[in-house]
PDB file of N, CA and C in Angstrom:
ATOM      1  N   MET A   1      47.714  -1.018  46.895  1.00  0.00           N
ATOM      2  CA  MET A   1      48.812  -0.148  46.916  1.00  0.00           C
ATOM      3  C   MET A   1      48.187   1.252  47.238  1.00  0.00           C
ATOM      4  N   GLN A   2      48.452   1.897  48.084  1.00  0.00           N
ATOM      5  CA  GLN A   2      47.985   3.349  48.473  1.00  0.00           C
ATOM      6  C   GLN A   2      49.270   4.357  48.113  1.00  0.00           C
ATOM      7  N   ASP A   3      48.749   5.437  46.591  1.00  0.00           N
ATOM      8  CA  ASP A   3      49.840   5.874  46.373  1.00  0.00           C
ATOM      9  C   ASP A   3      48.597   7.416  46.572  1.00  0.00           C
ATOM     10  N   VAL A   4      49.484   8.486  46.460  1.00  0.00           N
ATOM     11  CA  VAL A   4      48.446   9.524  46.538  1.00  0.00           C
ATOM     12  C   VAL A   4      48.186  10.402  45.120  1.00  0.00           C
ATOM     13  N   VAL A   5      46.729  10.064  45.119  1.00  0.00           N
ATOM     14  CA  VAL A   5      46.305  10.533  43.998  1.00  0.00           C
ATOM     15  C   VAL A   5      45.101  11.340  43.720  1.00  0.00           C
ATOM     16  N   ALA A   6      45.338  12.707  42.648  1.00  0.00           N
ATOM     17  CA  ALA A   6      44.325  13.405  42.877  1.00  0.00           C
ATOM     18  C   ALA A   6      43.237  13.011  42.084  1.00  0.00           C
ATOM     19  N   PHE A   7      41.659  13.081  42.749  1.00  0.00           N
ATOM     20  CA  PHE A   7      41.154  13.300  41.534  1.00  0.00           C
ATOM     21  C   PHE A   7      40.067  14.456  41.180  1.00  0.00           C
ATOM     22  N   HIS A   8      39.708  14.604  40.477  1.00  0.00           N
ATOM     23  CA  HIS A   8      38.979  16.141  39.960  1.00  0.00           C
ATOM     24  C   HIS A   8      38.285  15.730  38.535  1.00  0.00           C
ATOM     25  N   GLY A   9      37.061  16.669  39.235  1.00  0.00           N
ATOM     26  CA  GLY A   9      35.960  16.361  38.106  1.00  0.00           C
ATOM     27  C   GLY A   9      34.792  16.546  38.210  1.00  0.00           C
ATOM     28  N   THR A  10      33.458  16.767  36.984  1.00  0.00           N
ATOM     29  CA  THR A  10      31.989  16.788  37.888  1.00  0.00           C
ATOM     30  C   THR A  10      31.753  15.537  37.317  1.00  0.00           C
ATOM     31  N   TYR A  11      30.219  15.483  37.682  1.00  0.00           N
ATOM     32  CA  TYR A  11      29.395  14.124  37.111  1.00  0.00           C
ATOM     33  C   TYR A  11      28.306  15.281  37.073  1.00  0.00           C
ATOM     34  N   ARG A  12      27.670  15.250  36.163  1.00  0.00           N
ATOM     35  CA  ARG A  12      25.936  15.264  36.389  1.00  0.00           C
ATOM     36  C   ARG A  12      25.332  14.587  35.587  1.00  0.00           C
ATOM     37  N   TYR A  13      23.746  14.630  36.909  1.00  0.00           N
ATOM     38  CA  TYR A  13      22.699  13.706  36.805  1.00  0.00           C
ATOM     39  C   TYR A  13      21.661  14.013  36.082  1.00  0.00           C
ATOM     40  N   ALA A  14      20.712  12.947  35.686  1.00  0.00           N
ATOM     41  CA  ALA A  14      19.531  13.655  35.118  1.00  0.00           C
ATOM     42  C   ALA A  14      18.378  13.696  36.306  1.00  0.00           C
ATOM     43  N   THR A  15      18.566  13.469  37.432  1.00  0.00           N
ATOM     44  CA  THR A  15      17.766  14.054  39.100  1.00  0.00           C
ATOM     45  C   THR A  15      18.865  13.988  39.960  1.00  0.00           C
ATOM     46  N   ARG A  16      18.105  14.506  41.175  1.00  0.00           N
ATOM     47  CA  ARG A  16      18.986  14.613  42.681  1.00  0.00           C
ATOM     48  C   ARG A  16      18.780  13.211  42.888  1.00  0.00           C
ATOM     49  N   GLU A  17      17.825  12.640  42.309  1.00  0.00           N
ATOM     50  CA  GLU A  17      17.950  11.032  43.338  1.00  0.00           C
ATOM     51  C   GLU A  17      18.646  10.299  42.781  1.00  0.00           C
ATOM     52  N   ASN A  18      19.060  10.507  41.086  1.00  0.00           N
ATOM     53  CA  ASN A  18      19.682   9.727  40.342  1.00  0.00           C
ATOM     54  C   ASN A  18      21.337   9.719  41.302  1.00  0.00           C
ATOM     55  N   LEU A  19      21.698  11.190  41.460  1.00  0.00           N
ATOM     56  CA  LEU A  19      22.647  11.650  41.857  1.00  0.00           C
ATOM     57  C   LEU A  19      23.018  10.824  43.613  1.00  0.00           C
ATOM     58  N   GLU A  20      21.909  10.815  44.095  1.00  0.00           N
ATOM     59  CA  GLU A  20      21.831  10.079  45.401  1.00  0.00           C
ATOM     60  C   GLU A  20      22.086   9.083  45.373  1.00  0.00           C
ATOM     61  N   LEU A  21      21.342   8.175  44.283  1.00  0.00           N
ATOM     62  CA  LEU A  21      21.054   6.621  44.097  1.00  0.00           C
ATOM     63  C   LEU A  21      22.845   6.113  44.002  1.00  0.00           C
ATOM     64  N   ALA A  22      23.424   7.315  42.849  1.00  0.00           N
ATOM     65  CA  ALA A  22      24.882   7.155  42.318  1.00  0.00           C
ATOM     66  C   ALA A  22      25.960   6.660  43.904  1.00  0.00           C
ATOM     67  N   ILE A  23      25.679   7.641  44.706  1.00  0.00           N
ATOM     68  CA  ILE A  23      26.536   8.119  45.826  1.00  0.00           C
ATOM     69  C   ILE A  23      25.747   6.792  46.616  1.00  0.00           C
ATOM     70  N   SER A  24      25.107   6.357  46.562  1.00  0.00           N
ATOM     71  CA  SER A  24      24.648   5.182  46.981  1.00  0.00           C
ATOM     72  C   SER A  24      25.264   4.111  47.160  1.00  0.00           C
ATOM     73  N   SER A  25      25.549   3.681  45.565  1.00  0.00           N
ATOM     74  CA  SER A  25      25.951   2.608  44.976  1.00  0.00           C
ATOM     75  C   SER A  25      27.349   2.664  45.112  1.00  0.00           C
ATOM     76  N   ALA A  26      27.977   3.548  45.178  1.00  0.00           N
ATOM     77  CA  ALA A  26      29.381   3.801  45.339  1.00  0.00           C
ATOM     78  C   ALA A  26      29.699   3.511  46.174  1.00  0.00           C
ATOM     79  N   ARG A  27      29.308   3.967  47.445  1.00  0.00           N
ATOM     80  CA  ARG A  27      29.386   3.590  48.645  1.00  0.00           C
ATOM     81  C   ARG A  27      29.530   1.906  48.953  1.00  0.00           C
ATOM     82  N   ALA A  28      28.414   1.529  48.200  1.00  0.00           N
ATOM     83  CA  ALA A  28      27.977  -0.081  48.623  1.00  0.00           C
ATOM     84  C   ALA A  28      29.613  -1.095  47.929  1.00  0.00           C
ATOM     85  N   VAL A  29      29.355  -0.445  46.377  1.00  0.00           N
ATOM     86  CA  VAL A  29      30.943  -0.743  46.012  1.00  0.00           C
ATOM     87  C   VAL A  29      31.719  -1.160  47.072  1.00  0.00           C
ATOM     88  N   LEU A  30      32.123  -0.349  47.455  1.00  0.00           N
ATOM     89  CA  LEU A  30      33.343  -0.417  48.507  1.00  0.00           C
ATOM     90  C   LEU A  30      33.387  -1.447  49.729  1.00  0.00           C
ATOM     91  N   LEU A  31      32.321  -1.235  50.708  1.00  0.00           N
ATOM     92  CA  LEU A  31      31.486  -1.934  51.915  1.00  0.00           C
ATOM     93  C   LEU A  31      31.518  -3.305  51.182  1.00  0.00           C
ATOM     94  N   ASP A  32      31.110  -3.400  49.785  1.00  0.00           N
ATOM     95  CA  ASP A  32      30.989  -5.262  49.625  1.00  0.00           C
ATOM     96  C   ASP A  32      32.554  -5.737  49.254  1.00  0.00           C
ATOM     97  N   ASP A  33      33.719  -4.655  49.194  1.00  0.00           N
ATOM     98  CA  ASP A  33      35.024  -5.478  49.019  1.00  0.00           C
ATOM     99  C   ASP A  33      35.283  -5.266  50.833  1.00  0.00           C
ATOM    100  N   ASP A  34      34.554  -4.785  51.750  1.00  0.00           N
ATOM    101  CA  ASP A  34      34.718  -5.396  52.847  1.00  0.00           C
ATOM    102  C   ASP A  34      36.272  -4.066  53.384  1.00  0.00           C
ATOM    103  N   ALA A  35      35.302  -2.869  53.119  1.00  0.00           N
ATOM    104  CA  ALA A  35      36.081  -1.413  53.324  1.00  0.00           C
ATOM    105  C   ALA A  35      35.488  -1.342  54.601  1.00  0.00           C
ATOM    106  N   SER A  36      36.400  -1.179  55.661  1.00  0.00           N
ATOM    107  CA  SER A  36      36.207  -0.203  56.776  1.00  0.00           C
ATOM    108  C   SER A  36      35.082   1.264  56.716  1.00  0.00           C
ATOM    109  N   GLU A  37      34.412   1.830  57.345  1.00  0.00           N
ATOM    110  CA  GLU A  37      34.002   2.719  57.668  1.00  0.00           C
ATOM    111  C   GLU A  37      35.397   3.762  57.489  1.00  0.00           C
ATOM    112  N   VAL A  38      36.100   4.317  57.911  1.00  0.00           N
ATOM    113  CA  VAL A  38      37.558   5.306  58.028  1.00  0.00           C
ATOM    114  C   VAL A  38      38.221   5.031  56.362  1.00  0.00           C
ATOM    115  N   GLU A  39      37.847   3.705  55.648  1.00  0.00           N
ATOM    116  CA  GLU A  39      38.282   3.667  54.388  1.00  0.00           C
ATOM    117  C   GLU A  39      37.372   4.305  53.314  1.00  0.00           C
ATOM    118  N   VAL A  40      36.058   4.490  53.512  1.00  0.00           N
ATOM    119  CA  VAL A  40      34.866   4.898  52.965  1.00  0.00           C
ATOM    120  C   VAL A  40      35.104   6.366  53.618  1.00  0.00           C
ATOM    121  N   ALA A  41      35.200   6.750  54.361  1.00  0.00           N
ATOM    122  CA  ALA A  41      35.224   8.414  54.807  1.00  0.00           C
ATOM    123  C   ALA A  41      35.870   9.406  53.734  1.00  0.00           C
ATOM    124  N   TRP A  42      37.129   8.963  52.959  1.00  0.00           N
ATOM    125  CA  TRP A  42      37.399   9.928  51.567  1.00  0.00           C
ATOM    126  C   TRP A  42      35.850  10.187  50.815  1.00  0.00           C
ATOM    127  N   MET A  43      34.520   8.949  50.411  1.00  0.00           N
ATOM    128  CA  MET A  43      33.870   9.645  49.736  1.00  0.00           C
ATOM    129  C   MET A  43      33.334  10.754  50.514  1.00  0.00           C
ATOM    130  N   ARG A  44      33.586  11.146  51.431  1.00  0.00           N
ATOM    131  CA  ARG A  44      32.641  12.254  52.188  1.00  0.00           C
ATOM    132  C   ARG A  44      33.003  13.920  51.417  1.00  0.00           C
ATOM    133  N   CYS A  45      34.008  13.821  50.917  1.00  0.00           N
ATOM    134  CA  CYS A  45      34.744  15.237  50.465  1.00  0.00           C
ATOM    135  C   CYS A  45      34.177  15.318  49.043  1.00  0.00           C
ATOM    136  N   PHE A  46      33.272  14.491  48.471  1.00  0.00           N
ATOM    137  CA  PHE A  46      32.438  15.195  47.145  1.00  0.00           C
ATOM    138  C   PHE A  46      31.368  16.171  48.064  1.00  0.00           C
ATOM    139  N   VAL A  47      31.131  16.876  46.315  1.00  0.00           N
ATOM    140  CA  VAL A  47      30.383  18.359  46.575  1.00  0.00           C
ATOM    141  C   VAL A  47      29.436  17.652  46.000  1.00  0.00           C
ATOM    142  N   THR A  48      27.937  18.174  46.523  1.00  0.00           N
ATOM    143  CA  THR A  48      26.863  18.339  45.448  1.00  0.00           C
ATOM    144  C   THR A  48      26.510  19.329  45.557  1.00  0.00           C
ATOM    145  N   ARG A  49      25.735  19.829  44.346  1.00  0.00           N
ATOM    146  CA  ARG A  49      25.071  20.837  44.804  1.00  0.00           C
ATOM    147  C   ARG A  49      23.926  20.785  43.267  1.00  0.00           C
ATOM    148  N   GLY A  50      22.270  20.786  43.377  1.00  0.00           N
ATOM    149  CA  GLY A  50      21.370  19.993  42.834  1.00  0.00           C
ATOM    150  C   GLY A  50      21.496  18.977  42.016  1.00  0.00           C
ATOM    151  N   THR A  51      22.157  18.706  40.578  1.00  0.00           N
ATOM    152  CA  THR A  51      22.425  17.371  40.404  1.00  0.00           C
ATOM    153  C   THR A  51      23.459  17.203  39.854  1.00  0.00           C
ATOM    154  N   GLU A  52      24.568  17.776  40.098  1.00  0.00           N
ATOM    155  CA  GLU A  52      26.438  17.776  39.738  1.00  0.00           C
ATOM    156  C   GLU A  52      26.529  17.260  41.083  1.00  0.00           C
ATOM    157  N   LEU A  53      27.647  16.434  40.454  1.00  0.00           N
ATOM    158  CA  LEU A  53      28.847  16.129  41.895  1.00  0.00           C
ATOM    159  C   LEU A  53      30.363  16.538  41.638  1.00  0.00           C
ATOM    160  N   THR A  54      30.883  16.900  42.586  1.00  0.00           N
ATOM    161  CA  THR A  54      32.027  17.587  41.887  1.00  0.00           C
ATOM    162  C   THR A  54      33.270  16.883  42.844  1.00  0.00           C
ATOM    163  N   VAL A  55      34.565  16.443  42.447  1.00  0.00           N
ATOM    164  CA  VAL A  55      35.114  15.777  43.193  1.00  0.00           C
ATOM    165  C   VAL A  55      36.392  16.244  42.444  1.00  0.00           C
ATOM    166  N   ASN A  56      36.733  17.038  43.562  1.00  0.00           N
ATOM    167  CA  ASN A  56      38.733  17.442  44.204  1.00  0.00           C
ATOM    168  C   ASN A  56      39.064  17.065  45.276  1.00  0.00           C
ATOM    169  N   LEU A  57      39.785  15.933  45.236  1.00  0.00           N
ATOM    170  CA  LEU A  57      40.432  15.415  46.181  1.00  0.00           C
ATOM    171  C   LEU A  57      41.320  14.736  45.837  1.00  0.00           C
ATOM    172  N   THR A  58      42.848  15.178  47.151  1.00  0.00           N
ATOM    173  CA  THR A  58      43.816  14.495  46.622  1.00  0.00           C
ATOM    174  C   THR A  58      44.494  13.494  47.957  1.00  0.00           C
ATOM    175  N   THR A  59      44.391  11.807  47.784  1.00  0.00           N
ATOM    176  CA  THR A  59      44.543  11.659  49.147  1.00  0.00           C
ATOM    177  C   THR A  59      45.028  10.168  49.047  1.00  0.00           C
ATOM    178  N   ARG A  60      45.715   9.383  49.706  1.00  0.00           N
ATOM    179  CA  ARG A  60      46.328   8.204  50.046  1.00  0.00           C
ATOM    180  C   ARG A  60      44.967   7.238  49.506  1.00  0.00           C
ATOM    181  N   VAL A  61      45.069   6.683  48.826  1.00  0.00           N
ATOM    182  CA  VAL A  61      43.605   5.767  48.536  1.00  0.00           C
ATOM    183  C   VAL A  61      44.034   4.571  47.698  1.00  0.00           C
ATOM    184  N   ASP A  62      43.664   3.425  47.846  1.00  0.00           N
ATOM    185  CA  ASP A  62      43.867   2.139  46.900  1.00  0.00           C
ATOM    186  C   ASP A  62      43.178   2.413  45.743  1.00  0.00           C
ATOM    187  N   ARG A  63      44.041   2.326  44.876  1.00  0.00           N
ATOM    188  CA  ARG A  63      43.548   2.765  43.727  1.00  0.00           C
ATOM    189  C   ARG A  63      42.346   2.189  42.742  1.00  0.00           C
ATOM    190  N   PHE A  64      42.813   0.807  42.805  1.00  0.00           N
ATOM    191  CA  PHE A  64      41.466   0.117  42.664  1.00  0.00           C
ATOM    192  C   PHE A  64      40.406   0.054  43.356  1.00  0.00           C
ATOM    193  N   SER A  65      40.238   0.687  44.536  1.00  0.00           N
ATOM    194  CA  SER A  65      38.888   0.322  45.131  1.00  0.00           C
ATOM    195  C   SER A  65      38.627   1.756  44.587  1.00  0.00           C
ATOM    196  N   ALA A  66      39.129   2.795  44.717  1.00  0.00           N
ATOM    197  CA  ALA A  66      39.046   4.245  43.628  1.00  0.00           C
ATOM    198  C   ALA A  66      38.252   4.286  42.283  1.00  0.00           C
ATOM    199  N   ALA A  67      38.887   3.603  41.663  1.00  0.00           N
ATOM    200  CA  ALA A  67      38.227   3.026  40.174  1.00  0.00           C
ATOM    201  C   ALA A  67      37.213   2.785  40.250  1.00  0.00           C
ATOM    202  N   ALA A  68      36.880   1.332  41.401  1.00  0.00           N
ATOM    203  CA  ALA A  68      35.589   1.100  41.383  1.00  0.00           C
ATOM    204  C   ALA A  68      34.405   1.623  41.930  1.00  0.00           C
ATOM    205  N   VAL A  69      34.486   2.924  42.807  1.00  0.00           N
ATOM    206  CA  VAL A  69      34.153   3.766  43.018  1.00  0.00           C
ATOM    207  C   VAL A  69      33.587   5.152  41.751  1.00  0.00           C
ATOM    208  N   PHE A  70      34.271   5.306  40.998  1.00  0.00           N
ATOM    209  CA  PHE A  70      34.351   6.465  39.486  1.00  0.00           C
ATOM    210  C   PHE A  70      33.650   6.041  38.905  1.00  0.00           C
ATOM    211  N   ASP A  71      33.721   4.371  38.662  1.00  0.00           N
ATOM    212  CA  ASP A  71      32.904   3.649  37.607  1.00  0.00           C
ATOM    213  C   ASP A  71      31.406   3.752  38.137  1.00  0.00           C
ATOM    214  N   THR A  72      31.311   3.255  39.199  1.00  0.00           N
ATOM    215  CA  THR A  72      29.774   3.440  39.605  1.00  0.00           C
ATOM    216  C   THR A  72      29.799   4.638  39.417  1.00  0.00           C
ATOM    217  N   LEU A  73      29.836   5.667  39.712  1.00  0.00           N
ATOM    218  CA  LEU A  73      29.541   6.991  39.693  1.00  0.00           C
ATOM    219  C   LEU A  73      29.614   7.618  38.204  1.00  0.00           C
ATOM    220  N   ALA A  74      30.221   7.237  37.216  1.00  0.00           N
ATOM    221  CA  ALA A  74      29.734   7.461  36.114  1.00  0.00           C
ATOM    222  C   ALA A  74      28.905   6.762  35.252  1.00  0.00           C
ATOM    223  N   GLU A  75      28.830   5.715  35.513  1.00  0.00           N
ATOM    224  CA  GLU A  75      27.699   4.380  34.916  1.00  0.00           C
ATOM    225  C   GLU A  75      26.461   5.142  34.666  1.00  0.00           C
ATOM    226  N   THR A  76      26.146   6.186  35.555  1.00  0.00           N
ATOM    227  CA  THR A  76      24.336   6.522  35.557  1.00  0.00           C
ATOM    228  C   THR A  76      24.600   8.378  35.436  1.00  0.00           C
ATOM    229  N   ALA A  77      26.009   8.670  35.299  1.00  0.00           N
ATOM    230  CA  ALA A  77      25.970   9.873  35.057  1.00  0.00           C
ATOM    231  C   ALA A  77      25.664  10.377  33.591  1.00  0.00           C
ATOM    232  N   ILE A  78      24.801  11.712  33.360  1.00  0.00           N
ATOM    233  CA  ILE A  78      24.711  11.892  31.792  1.00  0.00           C
ATOM    234  C   ILE A  78      25.737  12.543  31.069  1.00  0.00           C
ATOM    235  N   GLU A  79      26.581  13.808  32.070  1.00  0.00           N
ATOM    236  CA  GLU A  79      27.518  14.293  31.559  1.00  0.00           C
ATOM    237  C   GLU A  79      28.702  14.718  32.454  1.00  0.00           C
ATOM    238  N   GLY A  80      29.905  14.428  32.090  1.00  0.00           N
ATOM    239  CA  GLY A  80      31.075  14.867  32.641  1.00  0.00           C
ATOM    240  C   GLY A  80      32.254  13.439  33.165  1.00  0.00           C
ATOM    241  N   ALA A  81      33.367  13.891  33.332  1.00  0.00           N
ATOM    242  CA  ALA A  81      34.198  13.248  33.585  1.00  0.00           C
ATOM    243  C   ALA A  81      35.498  13.769  35.179  1.00  0.00           C
ATOM    244  N   VAL A  82      36.011  12.469  35.735  1.00  0.00           N
ATOM    245  CA  VAL A  82      36.627  12.445  36.627  1.00  0.00           C
ATOM    246  C   VAL A  82      38.356  11.738  36.143  1.00  0.00           C
ATOM    247  N   ALA A  83      39.008  13.150  36.276  1.00  0.00           N
ATOM    248  CA  ALA A  83      40.642  12.194  35.908  1.00  0.00           C
ATOM    249  C   ALA A  83      41.079  11.960  36.973  1.00  0.00           C
ATOM    250  N   ALA A  84      42.204  10.649  37.434  1.00  0.00           N
ATOM    251  CA  ALA A  84      43.189  10.723  38.397  1.00  0.00           C
ATOM    252  C   ALA A  84      44.233  10.941  38.173  1.00  0.00           C
ATOM    253  N   MET A  85      45.189  11.588  38.863  1.00  0.00           N
ATOM    254  CA  MET A  85      46.503  11.975  38.452  1.00  0.00           C
ATOM    255  C   MET A  85      47.390  11.782  39.718  1.00  0.00           C
ATOM    256  N   LEU A  86      48.333  11.330  39.066  1.00  0.00           N
ATOM    257  CA  LEU A  86      49.576  10.830  39.994  1.00  0.00           C
ATOM    258  C   LEU A  86      50.706  11.595  39.533  1.00  0.00           C
ATOM    259  N   GLY A  87      51.196  12.453  40.573  1.00  0.00           N
ATOM    260  CA  GLY A  87      51.756  13.161  40.184  1.00  0.00           C
ATOM    261  C   GLY A  87      51.112  14.203  38.792  1.00  0.00           C
ATOM    262  N   ASN A  88      52.248  14.633  38.229  1.00  0.00           N
ATOM    263  CA  ASN A  88      51.405  15.105  36.797  1.00  0.00           C
ATOM    264  C   ASN A  88      51.042  14.281  35.458  1.00  0.00           C
ATOM    265  N   ALA A  89      51.211  13.040  35.936  1.00  0.00           N
ATOM    266  CA  ALA A  89      50.634  12.127  34.884  1.00  0.00           C
ATOM    267  C   ALA A  89      49.024  11.393  34.911  1.00  0.00           C
ATOM    268  N   GLN A  90      48.467  11.765  34.020  1.00  0.00           N
ATOM    269  CA  GLN A  90      47.016  10.973  34.119  1.00  0.00           C
ATOM    270  C   GLN A  90      46.890   9.484  33.867  1.00  0.00           C
ATOM    271  N   ILE A  91      46.633   8.850  35.298  1.00  0.00           N
ATOM    272  CA  ILE A  91      47.000   7.466  35.556  1.00  0.00           C
ATOM    273  C   ILE A  91      45.316   6.487  34.927  1.00  0.00           C
ATOM    274  N   ASP A  92      44.155   7.541  35.064  1.00  0.00           N
ATOM    275  CA  ASP A  92      42.801   7.465  34.280  1.00  0.00           C
ATOM    276  C   ASP A  92      42.016   8.116  34.454  1.00  0.00           C
ATOM    277  N   LEU A  93      40.906   8.269  33.588  1.00  0.00           N
ATOM    278  CA  LEU A  93      39.847   8.787  33.765  1.00  0.00           C
ATOM    279  C   LEU A  93      38.322   8.034  33.376  1.00  0.00           C
ATOM    280  N   PHE A  94      37.348   8.471  34.032  1.00  0.00           N
ATOM    281  CA  PHE A  94      36.354   8.301  34.301  1.00  0.00           C
ATOM    282  C   PHE A  94      34.887   8.738  33.960  1.00  0.00           C
ATOM    283  N   PRO A  95      34.530   8.631  32.181  1.00  0.00           N
ATOM    284  CA  PRO A  95      33.996   9.349  31.813  1.00  0.00           C
ATOM    285  C   PRO A  95      32.188   9.524  32.621  1.00  0.00           C
ATOM    286  N   SER A  96      31.094  10.004  32.116  1.00  0.00           N
ATOM    287  CA  SER A  96      30.259   9.538  32.371  1.00  0.00           C
ATOM    288  C   SER A  96      29.796   8.746  31.168  1.00  0.00           C
ATOM    289  N   GLY A  97      28.832   7.564  31.538  1.00  0.00           N
ATOM    290  CA  GLY A  97      28.261   6.239  31.010  1.00  0.00           C
ATOM    291  C   GLY A  97      28.907   5.690  30.793  1.00  0.00           C
ATOM    292  N   ARG A  98      30.262   5.332  31.485  1.00  0.00           N
ATOM    293  CA  ARG A  98      31.039   4.859  31.308  1.00  0.00           C
ATOM    294  C   ARG A  98      30.487   2.674  32.142  1.00  0.00           C
ATOM    295  N   HIS A  99      30.933   1.949  30.984  1.00  0.00           N
ATOM    296  CA  HIS A  99      30.325   0.605  30.921  1.00  0.00           C
ATOM    297  C   HIS A  99      30.834  -0.556  31.064  1.00  0.00           C
ATOM    298  N   ASP A 100      32.436  -0.412  31.031  1.00  0.00           N
ATOM    299  CA  ASP A 100      33.120  -1.536  30.632  1.00  0.00           C
ATOM    300  C   ASP A 100      34.198  -1.763  32.373  1.00  0.00           C
TER     301      ASP A 100
END
């Protein structure tokens, strides 16, 4: 199911290399799910600066695929979180260090 979901937040990583590895791993999660390049394209909206990854995205996306991406990004982040909002309701939160 695809809803218009807003994702907002920031992650910080120990090093720039860790940040880049997290993004690559998240992209691989989608590609492992047989997503097309078009379906992965929304990840290009992420903004990086130094060791920080900022997410400010409102898009029509499969929530379960997005959850897999943000779980992967959160896993190695040392601080921060990304919230998923559907309208005014928070439907998920992906805090750093998430391992569930």
